[in-house]
Amino acid sequence: MKAKTHRGAAKRFKITSTGKIMRWRSGKRHLLGTKKPRRMRNLLNKVEVSPADAPNVRLALPYGIK
């Protein structure tokens, strides 16, 4: 049977050309006026998914580059 991509995971994670799984940081939706500009700049950047979570994300994205 054909493997299906989990559409929710596809919108939340990106796999780089070297195989790293990147995610966006949380905390940018509301109460933005109380957050410092430096903190907001750091929240804009993507970070790598933790090694413990990576296998589950790879299962959800079967056609990502491995």
PDB file of N, CA and C in Angstrom:
ATOM      1  N   MET A   1       0.840  -1.191   0.000  1.00  0.00           N
ATOM      2  CA  MET A   1       0.000   0.000   0.000  1.00  0.00           C
ATOM      3  C   MET A   1       0.880   1.247   0.000  1.00  0.00           C
ATOM      4  N   LYS A   2       0.435   2.256  -0.655  1.00  0.00           N
ATOM      5  CA  LYS A   2       1.192   3.496  -0.768  1.00  0.00           C
ATOM      6  C   LYS A   2       1.212   4.233   0.578  1.00  0.00           C
ATOM      7  N   ALA A   3       2.393   4.713   0.973  1.00  0.00           N
ATOM      8  CA  ALA A   3       2.515   5.463   2.225  1.00  0.00           C
ATOM      9  C   ALA A   3       1.952   6.866   2.022  1.00  0.00           C
ATOM     10  N   LYS A   4       1.259   7.356   3.041  1.00  0.00           N
ATOM     11  CA  LYS A   4       0.659   8.680   2.939  1.00  0.00           C
ATOM     12  C   LYS A   4       1.377   9.655   3.869  1.00  0.00           C
ATOM     13  N   THR A   5       1.562  10.850   3.371  1.00  0.00           N
ATOM     14  CA  THR A   5       2.162  11.914   4.162  1.00  0.00           C
ATOM     15  C   THR A   5       1.134  12.448   5.141  1.00  0.00           C
ATOM     16  N   HIS A   6       1.539  12.619   6.401  1.00  0.00           N
ATOM     17  CA  HIS A   6       0.669  13.236   7.400  1.00  0.00           C
ATOM     18  C   HIS A   6       0.640  14.735   7.113  1.00  0.00           C
ATOM     19  N   ARG A   7      -0.517  15.238   6.696  1.00  0.00           N
ATOM     20  CA  ARG A   7      -0.599  16.612   6.211  1.00  0.00           C
ATOM     21  C   ARG A   7      -0.307  17.634   7.315  1.00  0.00           C
ATOM     22  N   GLY A   8      -0.677  17.326   8.550  1.00  0.00           N
ATOM     23  CA  GLY A   8      -0.366  18.238   9.648  1.00  0.00           C
ATOM     24  C   GLY A   8       1.129  18.351   9.862  1.00  0.00           C
ATOM     25  N   ALA A   9       1.830  17.208   9.767  1.00  0.00           N
ATOM     26  CA  ALA A   9       3.286  17.220   9.933  1.00  0.00           C
ATOM     27  C   ALA A   9       3.953  17.930   8.765  1.00  0.00           C
ATOM     28  N   ALA A  10       3.397  17.782   7.564  1.00  0.00           N
ATOM     29  CA  ALA A  10       3.987  18.419   6.389  1.00  0.00           C
ATOM     30  C   ALA A  10       3.952  19.938   6.514  1.00  0.00           C
ATOM     31  N   LYS A  11       2.952  20.463   7.221  1.00  0.00           N
ATOM     32  CA  LYS A  11       2.844  21.903   7.385  1.00  0.00           C
ATOM     33  C   LYS A  11       3.737  22.420   8.516  1.00  0.00           C
ATOM     34  N   ARG A  12       4.171  21.538   9.411  1.00  0.00           N
ATOM     35  CA  ARG A  12       4.926  21.956  10.583  1.00  0.00           C
ATOM     36  C   ARG A  12       6.420  21.719  10.483  1.00  0.00           C
ATOM     37  N   PHE A  13       6.834  20.777   9.649  1.00  0.00           N
ATOM     38  CA  PHE A  13       8.240  20.399   9.579  1.00  0.00           C
ATOM     39  C   PHE A  13       8.742  20.486   8.147  1.00  0.00           C
ATOM     40  N   LYS A  14      10.028  20.802   8.005  1.00  0.00           N
ATOM     41  CA  LYS A  14      10.683  20.795   6.709  1.00  0.00           C
ATOM     42  C   LYS A  14      11.950  19.969   6.841  1.00  0.00           C
ATOM     43  N   ILE A  15      12.250  19.177   5.812  1.00  0.00           N
ATOM     44  CA  ILE A  15      13.464  18.380   5.801  1.00  0.00           C
ATOM     45  C   ILE A  15      14.449  19.050   4.860  1.00  0.00           C
ATOM     46  N   THR A  16      15.650  19.321   5.369  1.00  0.00           N
ATOM     47  CA  THR A  16      16.655  20.010   4.578  1.00  0.00           C
ATOM     48  C   THR A  16      17.305  19.044   3.597  1.00  0.00           C
ATOM     49  N   SER A  17      18.122  19.576   2.714  1.00  0.00           N
ATOM     50  CA  SER A  17      18.790  18.727   1.728  1.00  0.00           C
ATOM     51  C   SER A  17      19.805  17.797   2.375  1.00  0.00           C
ATOM     52  N   THR A  18      20.284  18.146   3.563  1.00  0.00           N
ATOM     53  CA  THR A  18      21.218  17.268   4.263  1.00  0.00           C
ATOM     54  C   THR A  18      20.518  16.276   5.171  1.00  0.00           C
ATOM     55  N   GLY A  19      19.178  16.373   5.260  1.00  0.00           N
ATOM     56  CA  GLY A  19      18.414  15.393   6.026  1.00  0.00           C
ATOM     57  C   GLY A  19      17.992  15.834   7.410  1.00  0.00           C
ATOM     58  N   LYS A  20      18.336  17.063   7.808  1.00  0.00           N
ATOM     59  CA  LYS A  20      17.911  17.544   9.115  1.00  0.00           C
ATOM     60  C   LYS A  20      16.424  17.914   9.056  1.00  0.00           C
ATOM     61  N   ILE A  21      15.730  17.705  10.166  1.00  0.00           N
ATOM     62  CA  ILE A  21      14.319  18.071  10.260  1.00  0.00           C
ATOM     63  C   ILE A  21      14.241  19.372  11.044  1.00  0.00           C
ATOM     64  N   MET A  22      13.662  20.396  10.409  1.00  0.00           N
ATOM     65  CA  MET A  22      13.579  21.711  11.029  1.00  0.00           C
ATOM     66  C   MET A  22      12.139  22.002  11.437  1.00  0.00           C
ATOM     67  N   ARG A  23      12.009  22.762  12.521  1.00  0.00           N
ATOM     68  CA  ARG A  23      10.699  23.186  13.007  1.00  0.00           C
ATOM     69  C   ARG A  23      10.779  24.651  13.383  1.00  0.00           C
ATOM     70  N   TRP A  24       9.614  25.298  13.451  1.00  0.00           N
ATOM     71  CA  TRP A  24       9.549  26.674  13.901  1.00  0.00           C
ATOM     72  C   TRP A  24       9.337  26.694  15.398  1.00  0.00           C
ATOM     73  N   ARG A  25       9.742  27.771  16.043  1.00  0.00           N
ATOM     74  CA  ARG A  25       9.566  27.906  17.483  1.00  0.00           C
ATOM     75  C   ARG A  25       8.135  28.343  17.807  1.00  0.00           C
ATOM     76  N   SER A  26       7.702  27.981  18.985  1.00  0.00           N
ATOM     77  CA  SER A  26       6.368  28.395  19.429  1.00  0.00           C
ATOM     78  C   SER A  26       6.468  29.733  20.158  1.00  0.00           C
ATOM     79  N   GLY A  27       5.331  30.357  20.372  1.00  0.00           N
ATOM     80  CA  GLY A  27       5.305  31.584  21.161  1.00  0.00           C
ATOM     81  C   GLY A  27       5.185  32.855  20.354  1.00  0.00           C
ATOM     82  N   LYS A  28       4.717  32.774  19.098  1.00  0.00           N
ATOM     83  CA  LYS A  28       4.624  33.977  18.267  1.00  0.00           C
ATOM     84  C   LYS A  28       3.178  34.341  17.930  1.00  0.00           C
ATOM     85  N   ARG A  29       2.211  33.815  18.632  1.00  0.00           N
ATOM     86  CA  ARG A  29       0.816  34.009  18.233  1.00  0.00           C
ATOM     87  C   ARG A  29       0.129  35.177  18.932  1.00  0.00           C
ATOM     88  N   HIS A  30       0.381  35.340  20.223  1.00  0.00           N
ATOM     89  CA  HIS A  30      -0.334  36.395  20.951  1.00  0.00           C
ATOM     90  C   HIS A  30       0.557  36.891  22.083  1.00  0.00           C
ATOM     91  N   LEU A  31       0.124  37.972  22.755  1.00  0.00           N
ATOM     92  CA  LEU A  31       0.895  38.626  23.814  1.00  0.00           C
ATOM     93  C   LEU A  31       2.281  39.042  23.312  1.00  0.00           C
ATOM     94  N   LEU A  32       2.327  39.580  22.100  1.00  0.00           N
ATOM     95  CA  LEU A  32       3.609  39.901  21.492  1.00  0.00           C
ATOM     96  C   LEU A  32       4.203  41.197  22.037  1.00  0.00           C
ATOM     97  N   GLY A  33       3.363  42.065  22.592  1.00  0.00           N
ATOM     98  CA  GLY A  33       3.863  43.334  23.090  1.00  0.00           C
ATOM     99  C   GLY A  33       4.735  43.204  24.314  1.00  0.00           C
ATOM    100  N   THR A  34       4.610  42.114  25.051  1.00  0.00           N
ATOM    101  CA  THR A  34       5.404  41.941  26.270  1.00  0.00           C
ATOM    102  C   THR A  34       6.731  41.251  25.997  1.00  0.00           C
ATOM    103  N   LYS A  35       6.944  40.801  24.781  1.00  0.00           N
ATOM    104  CA  LYS A  35       8.171  40.061  24.468  1.00  0.00           C
ATOM    105  C   LYS A  35       9.207  41.009  23.884  1.00  0.00           C
ATOM    106  N   LYS A  36      10.430  40.831  24.333  1.00  0.00           N
ATOM    107  CA  LYS A  36      11.527  41.693  23.909  1.00  0.00           C
ATOM    108  C   LYS A  36      11.868  41.452  22.444  1.00  0.00           C
ATOM    109  N   PRO A  37      12.375  42.476  21.755  1.00  0.00           N
ATOM    110  CA  PRO A  37      12.722  42.318  20.339  1.00  0.00           C
ATOM    111  C   PRO A  37      13.744  41.214  20.084  1.00  0.00           C
ATOM    112  N   ARG A  38      14.719  41.067  20.976  1.00  0.00           N
ATOM    113  CA  ARG A  38      15.714  40.011  20.770  1.00  0.00           C
ATOM    114  C   ARG A  38      15.074  38.626  20.868  1.00  0.00           C
ATOM    115  N   ARG A  39      14.147  38.498  21.813  1.00  0.00           N
ATOM    116  CA  ARG A  39      13.428  37.226  21.950  1.00  0.00           C
ATOM    117  C   ARG A  39      12.594  36.941  20.708  1.00  0.00           C
ATOM    118  N   MET A  40      11.943  37.979  20.161  1.00  0.00           N
ATOM    119  CA  MET A  40      11.131  37.798  18.964  1.00  0.00           C
ATOM    120  C   MET A  40      11.986  37.407  17.758  1.00  0.00           C
ATOM    121  N   ARG A  41      13.182  37.996  17.651  1.00  0.00           N
ATOM    122  CA  ARG A  41      14.086  37.620  16.560  1.00  0.00           C
ATOM    123  C   ARG A  41      14.486  36.162  16.675  1.00  0.00           C
ATOM    124  N   ASN A  42      14.738  35.700  17.887  1.00  0.00           N
ATOM    125  CA  ASN A  42      15.105  34.294  18.072  1.00  0.00           C
ATOM    126  C   ASN A  42      13.935  33.371  17.776  1.00  0.00           C
ATOM    127  N   LEU A  43      12.717  33.811  18.049  1.00  0.00           N
ATOM    128  CA  LEU A  43      11.543  32.975  17.785  1.00  0.00           C
ATOM    129  C   LEU A  43      11.287  32.842  16.284  1.00  0.00           C
ATOM    130  N   LEU A  44      11.778  33.793  15.496  1.00  0.00           N
ATOM    131  CA  LEU A  44      11.549  33.727  14.055  1.00  0.00           C
ATOM    132  C   LEU A  44      12.370  32.633  13.382  1.00  0.00           C
ATOM    133  N   ASN A  45      13.489  32.241  14.001  1.00  0.00           N
ATOM    134  CA  ASN A  45      14.383  31.283  13.377  1.00  0.00           C
ATOM    135  C   ASN A  45      13.887  29.857  13.546  1.00  0.00           C
ATOM    136  N   LYS A  46      14.233  29.021  12.595  1.00  0.00           N
ATOM    137  CA  LYS A  46      13.912  27.604  12.692  1.00  0.00           C
ATOM    138  C   LYS A  46      14.999  26.903  13.499  1.00  0.00           C
ATOM    139  N   VAL A  47      14.630  25.816  14.152  1.00  0.00           N
ATOM    140  CA  VAL A  47      15.585  25.004  14.906  1.00  0.00           C
ATOM    141  C   VAL A  47      15.403  23.542  14.511  1.00  0.00           C
ATOM    142  N   GLU A  48      16.411  22.753  14.791  1.00  0.00           N
ATOM    143  CA  GLU A  48      16.348  21.338  14.456  1.00  0.00           C
ATOM    144  C   GLU A  48      15.489  20.600  15.480  1.00  0.00           C
ATOM    145  N   VAL A  49      14.746  19.616  15.015  1.00  0.00           N
ATOM    146  CA  VAL A  49      13.919  18.786  15.893  1.00  0.00           C
ATOM    147  C   VAL A  49      14.834  17.954  16.774  1.00  0.00           C
ATOM    148  N   SER A  50      14.417  17.713  18.013  1.00  0.00           N
ATOM    149  CA  SER A  50      15.248  16.935  18.928  1.00  0.00           C
ATOM    150  C   SER A  50      15.411  15.506  18.406  1.00  0.00           C
ATOM    151  N   PRO A  51      16.532  14.871  18.702  1.00  0.00           N
ATOM    152  CA  PRO A  51      16.770  13.503  18.210  1.00  0.00           C
ATOM    153  C   PRO A  51      15.719  12.503  18.680  1.00  0.00           C
ATOM    154  N   ALA A  52      15.104  12.739  19.839  1.00  0.00           N
ATOM    155  CA  ALA A  52      14.085  11.823  20.345  1.00  0.00           C
ATOM    156  C   ALA A  52      12.812  11.891  19.506  1.00  0.00           C
ATOM    157  N   ASP A  53      12.516  13.061  18.928  1.00  0.00           N
ATOM    158  CA  ASP A  53      11.288  13.229  18.153  1.00  0.00           C
ATOM    159  C   ASP A  53      11.479  12.955  16.664  1.00  0.00           C
ATOM    160  N   ALA A  54      12.718  12.946  16.208  1.00  0.00           N
ATOM    161  CA  ALA A  54      12.981  12.818  14.775  1.00  0.00           C
ATOM    162  C   ALA A  54      12.416  11.544  14.150  1.00  0.00           C
ATOM    163  N   PRO A  55      12.531  10.367  14.786  1.00  0.00           N
ATOM    164  CA  PRO A  55      11.977   9.160  14.139  1.00  0.00           C
ATOM    165  C   PRO A  55      10.474   9.238  13.883  1.00  0.00           C
ATOM    166  N   ASN A  56       9.729   9.833  14.795  1.00  0.00           N
ATOM    167  CA  ASN A  56       8.283   9.949  14.599  1.00  0.00           C
ATOM    168  C   ASN A  56       7.959  10.904  13.456  1.00  0.00           C
ATOM    169  N   VAL A  57       8.720  11.976  13.330  1.00  0.00           N
ATOM    170  CA  VAL A  57       8.482  12.920  12.243  1.00  0.00           C
ATOM    171  C   VAL A  57       8.814  12.257  10.908  1.00  0.00           C
ATOM    172  N   ARG A  58       9.880  11.463  10.874  1.00  0.00           N
ATOM    173  CA  ARG A  58      10.241  10.777   9.633  1.00  0.00           C
ATOM    174  C   ARG A  58       9.156   9.787   9.200  1.00  0.00           C
ATOM    175  N   LEU A  59       8.505   9.142  10.156  1.00  0.00           N
ATOM    176  CA  LEU A  59       7.400   8.239   9.818  1.00  0.00           C
ATOM    177  C   LEU A  59       6.228   9.020   9.222  1.00  0.00           C
ATOM    178  N   ALA A  60       6.007  10.230   9.734  1.00  0.00           N
ATOM    179  CA  ALA A  60       4.893  11.040   9.247  1.00  0.00           C
ATOM    180  C   ALA A  60       5.183  11.631   7.879  1.00  0.00           C
ATOM    181  N   LEU A  61       6.479  11.769   7.520  1.00  0.00           N
ATOM    182  CA  LEU A  61       6.878  12.337   6.241  1.00  0.00           C
ATOM    183  C   LEU A  61       7.670  11.299   5.454  1.00  0.00           C
ATOM    184  N   PRO A  62       7.008  10.289   4.898  1.00  0.00           N
ATOM    185  CA  PRO A  62       7.736   9.195   4.274  1.00  0.00           C
ATOM    186  C   PRO A  62       8.482   9.583   3.009  1.00  0.00           C
ATOM    187  N   TYR A  63       8.109  10.673   2.355  1.00  0.00           N
ATOM    188  CA  TYR A  63       8.765  11.037   1.097  1.00  0.00           C
ATOM    189  C   TYR A  63       9.751  12.177   1.265  1.00  0.00           C
ATOM    190  N   GLY A  64      10.068  12.513   2.527  1.00  0.00           N
ATOM    191  CA  GLY A  64      11.119  13.493   2.753  1.00  0.00           C
ATOM    192  C   GLY A  64      12.464  12.875   2.469  1.00  0.00           C
ATOM    193  N   ILE A  65      13.458  13.727   2.258  1.00  0.00           N
ATOM    194  CA  ILE A  65      14.810  13.231   1.976  1.00  0.00           C
ATOM    195  C   ILE A  65      15.376  12.644   3.254  1.00  0.00           C
ATOM    196  N   LYS A  66      15.927  11.465   3.176  1.00  0.00           N
ATOM    197  CA  LYS A  66      16.422  10.786   4.386  1.00  0.00           C
ATOM    198  C   LYS A  66      17.869  11.065   4.618  1.00  0.00           C
TER     199      LYS A  66
END
